[in-house]
Amino acid sequence: MTALPLPADEDLPEDIRDVLASLPPLNVFRAVASVPASFRPFMQLGGSLLAGPEIDSRNREIAILGVARATGAGYERAQHEQLAANVGVSDEEIAAIRDGDATAALDADGALAFAVATEISSDVKLSDATLERLIERWGNAGAAELILCCAYYNMVSRFLESAGVEIEPEQLLGDGFTPPTPPKG
C-alpha cells in the first residue's frame, strides 16, 4: 500500500516534537504533525470535542464509530473501539456497530448518535427528521456539538485513509486510557 511517510523527529519543529513526546505514540498524531501549522489546531479541536460538555463520552464514541463504519476508516475504528470500551460501550455493541446492526443493539440515545454519524458521513447533511430528533434529545448546543464531532471525525477518516496511515500493531488506548488535554495555543 502506498502511504505518505511519517515525519521523523528531526524533520519536525522542536515544539511539535515536545507535544508528540507527551502523547501516546500513535501514527495519527505523527501524520498530522507533518503539517506543523495545523497540528496544534487539530489537536485542540479534537480535544475539545472529546471533552465536550453536551454529549456524554459513551454516545460520542458510538457516533465516532458510526463515522468510522460509514467511511470505511480502519485506523479510526481500531483506535475508537478501544476508547469506546473504556467508556462503557460493550463488546457486543461495538461488534454490532462494526457489522452495521447498531440500531437494534443500542439504547435510544446510542441509536440516535449512530444515525446522526451515519447520515452525516453518507449524505453530508442530516435529514430534517434526524435533526429534529437530535435537537429534541440534546438541545441546540448538544446537536451542534455532535454534528461538529461527526464532521471532524469525517475529516480525520479521510485524512488517515488517503494518507495511508497504518494502524499500530499493538493497542495503545485500552485499560481506561483517557485522551490527553489538548495543547495550548
Protein backbone atom coordinates (compact mmCIF):
# COMPACT_ATOMS: atom_id res chain seq x y z
CA MET A 1 0.00 0.00 0.00
CA THR A 2 1.27 3.45 -0.87
CA ALA A 3 1.41 5.82 2.07
CA LEU A 4 2.75 9.24 2.94
CA PRO A 5 5.83 8.74 5.11
CA LEU A 6 5.54 9.72 8.76
CA PRO A 7 7.95 12.52 9.63
CA ALA A 8 10.97 11.71 11.76
CA ASP A 9 11.59 13.77 14.89
CA GLU A 10 14.46 15.64 13.23
CA ASP A 11 12.08 16.77 10.47
CA LEU A 12 9.72 18.46 12.94
CA PRO A 13 9.91 21.75 14.83
CA GLU A 14 11.00 21.37 18.46
CA ASP A 15 7.63 22.45 19.88
CA ILE A 16 5.84 19.76 17.83
CA ARG A 17 8.39 17.14 18.97
CA ASP A 18 7.71 18.16 22.58
CA VAL A 19 3.96 17.70 22.17
CA LEU A 20 4.44 14.34 20.43
CA ALA A 21 6.67 13.18 23.29
CA SER A 22 3.80 13.80 25.71
CA LEU A 23 1.27 11.77 23.69
CA PRO A 24 0.80 8.06 23.11
CA PRO A 25 2.95 7.07 20.10
CA LEU A 26 0.04 6.96 17.67
CA ASN A 27 0.62 7.27 13.95
CA VAL A 28 -2.32 9.67 13.63
CA PHE A 29 -0.52 12.30 15.72
CA ARG A 30 2.75 11.93 13.81
CA ALA A 31 0.92 12.02 10.46
CA VAL A 32 -0.84 15.28 11.34
CA ALA A 33 2.47 16.67 12.65
CA SER A 34 3.68 16.54 9.05
CA VAL A 35 1.61 19.73 8.66
CA PRO A 36 3.10 21.69 11.59
CA ALA A 37 0.88 24.77 11.22
CA SER A 38 -2.21 22.56 11.54
CA PHE A 39 -1.00 20.24 14.29
CA ARG A 40 -1.95 22.28 17.37
CA PRO A 41 -5.33 23.45 15.99
CA PHE A 42 -6.10 19.85 15.01
CA MET A 43 -5.25 18.60 18.49
CA GLN A 44 -7.13 21.44 20.21
CA LEU A 45 -10.31 20.92 18.21
CA GLY A 46 -10.20 17.15 18.65
CA GLY A 47 -9.55 17.50 22.37
CA SER A 48 -12.38 19.99 22.79
CA LEU A 49 -14.78 17.62 21.06
CA LEU A 50 -13.71 14.60 23.10
CA ALA A 51 -14.26 16.63 26.27
CA GLY A 52 -17.42 18.41 25.08
CA PRO A 53 -19.91 19.15 27.82
CA GLU A 54 -23.14 18.36 25.96
CA ILE A 55 -22.76 14.78 24.70
CA ASP A 56 -21.55 12.09 27.10
CA SER A 57 -18.44 10.13 26.16
CA ARG A 58 -20.35 6.89 25.53
CA ASN A 59 -22.64 8.40 22.88
CA ARG A 60 -19.79 10.44 21.42
CA GLU A 61 -17.72 7.26 20.93
CA ILE A 62 -20.72 5.49 19.38
CA ALA A 63 -21.01 8.39 16.92
CA ILE A 64 -17.28 8.26 16.10
CA LEU A 65 -17.53 4.52 15.49
CA GLY A 66 -20.51 5.25 13.24
CA VAL A 67 -18.34 7.64 11.24
CA ALA A 68 -15.57 5.04 11.02
CA ARG A 69 -18.02 2.43 9.77
CA ALA A 70 -19.66 4.71 7.21
CA THR A 71 -16.32 5.95 5.86
CA GLY A 72 -14.55 2.57 5.96
CA ALA A 73 -11.83 4.08 8.14
CA GLY A 74 -9.98 1.14 9.68
CA TYR A 75 -7.49 3.23 11.66
CA GLU A 76 -10.21 5.35 13.25
CA ARG A 77 -12.28 2.25 14.00
CA ALA A 78 -9.37 0.45 15.66
CA GLN A 79 -8.47 3.37 17.92
CA HIS A 80 -12.01 4.34 18.85
CA GLU A 81 -13.13 0.78 19.57
CA GLN A 82 -10.55 0.89 22.38
CA LEU A 83 -11.81 4.27 23.60
CA ALA A 84 -15.45 3.14 23.34
CA ALA A 85 -14.72 0.10 25.51
CA ASN A 86 -13.08 2.43 28.06
CA VAL A 87 -16.32 4.44 28.39
CA GLY A 88 -18.71 1.51 28.71
CA VAL A 89 -19.67 0.52 25.17
CA SER A 90 -19.91 -3.26 25.38
CA ASP A 91 -18.07 -5.67 23.10
CA GLU A 92 -21.45 -6.72 21.68
CA GLU A 93 -22.40 -3.12 20.92
CA ILE A 94 -19.01 -2.45 19.31
CA ALA A 95 -19.40 -5.56 17.15
CA ALA A 96 -22.93 -4.52 16.17
CA ILE A 97 -21.69 -1.07 15.12
CA ARG A 98 -18.84 -2.65 13.13
CA ASP A 99 -21.28 -5.05 11.45
CA GLY A 100 -23.95 -2.43 10.74
CA ASP A 101 -26.52 -3.85 13.16
CA ALA A 102 -26.16 -0.98 15.62
CA THR A 103 -29.72 0.26 15.82
CA ALA A 104 -31.05 -2.95 17.36
CA ALA A 105 -28.10 -3.34 19.73
CA LEU A 106 -28.04 0.20 21.15
CA ASP A 107 -30.29 2.12 23.51
CA ALA A 108 -32.29 5.05 22.09
CA ASP A 109 -29.52 7.63 22.65
CA GLY A 110 -26.84 5.40 21.15
CA ALA A 111 -29.02 4.59 18.15
CA LEU A 112 -29.62 8.31 17.59
CA ALA A 113 -25.89 9.11 17.84
CA PHE A 114 -25.16 6.30 15.37
CA ALA A 115 -27.88 7.51 12.98
CA VAL A 116 -26.53 11.08 13.10
CA ALA A 117 -22.99 9.88 12.34
CA THR A 118 -24.16 7.63 9.52
CA GLU A 119 -26.26 10.33 7.84
CA ILE A 120 -23.56 12.99 8.07
CA SER A 121 -20.93 10.58 6.76
CA SER A 122 -23.06 9.20 3.94
CA ASP A 123 -25.22 12.15 2.94
CA VAL A 124 -23.11 15.14 4.12
CA LYS A 125 -26.11 16.60 5.93
CA LEU A 126 -28.79 15.42 8.29
CA SER A 127 -32.35 14.90 7.24
CA ASP A 128 -34.84 17.30 8.81
CA ALA A 129 -36.33 14.43 10.79
CA THR A 130 -32.97 13.37 12.27
CA LEU A 131 -32.01 16.95 13.08
CA GLU A 132 -35.35 17.44 14.85
CA ARG A 133 -34.80 14.26 16.90
CA LEU A 134 -31.26 15.36 17.72
CA ILE A 135 -32.37 18.81 18.92
CA GLU A 136 -35.26 17.31 20.87
CA ARG A 137 -32.89 14.93 22.68
CA TRP A 138 -29.79 17.08 23.30
CA GLY A 139 -30.93 20.65 22.59
CA ASN A 140 -29.32 23.10 20.18
CA ALA A 141 -25.92 23.06 21.90
CA GLY A 142 -25.79 19.26 22.03
CA ALA A 143 -26.91 18.99 18.42
CA ALA A 144 -24.19 21.41 17.30
CA GLU A 145 -21.56 19.56 19.35
CA LEU A 146 -22.46 16.14 17.93
CA ILE A 147 -22.67 17.45 14.35
CA LEU A 148 -19.24 19.11 14.69
CA CYS A 149 -17.80 15.94 16.26
CA CYS A 150 -19.06 13.82 13.35
CA ALA A 151 -17.78 16.36 10.80
CA TYR A 152 -14.35 16.45 12.48
CA TYR A 153 -14.03 12.67 12.51
CA ASN A 154 -15.10 12.54 8.86
CA MET A 155 -12.13 14.83 8.15
CA VAL A 156 -9.86 12.62 10.28
CA SER A 157 -11.07 9.47 8.50
CA ARG A 158 -10.49 10.95 5.08
CA PHE A 159 -7.01 12.18 6.02
CA LEU A 160 -5.92 8.88 7.56
CA GLU A 161 -7.28 6.73 4.75
CA SER A 162 -6.00 8.97 1.95
CA ALA A 163 -2.53 9.29 3.53
CA GLY A 164 -2.38 5.52 4.11
CA VAL A 165 -1.68 5.84 7.83
CA GLU A 166 -1.09 2.38 9.24
CA ILE A 167 -2.70 1.04 12.41
CA GLU A 168 -0.22 0.39 15.21
CA PRO A 169 0.47 -3.31 15.79
CA GLU A 170 -0.48 -3.06 19.47
CA GLN A 171 -3.41 -1.46 21.24
CA LEU A 172 -2.22 1.68 22.98
CA LEU A 173 -5.52 3.12 24.20
CA GLY A 174 -7.00 0.29 26.28
CA ASP A 175 -7.23 -0.16 30.03
CA GLY A 176 -9.02 3.05 30.89
CA PHE A 177 -6.89 5.42 28.77
CA THR A 178 -8.39 8.88 28.54
CA PRO A 179 -7.43 11.35 25.82
CA PRO A 180 -4.78 13.91 26.80
CA THR A 181 -5.58 17.55 27.40
CA PRO A 182 -5.16 19.38 24.09
CA PRO A 183 -2.00 21.51 23.77
CA LYS A 184 -2.38 25.26 24.29
CA GLY A 185 -2.04 27.82 21.50
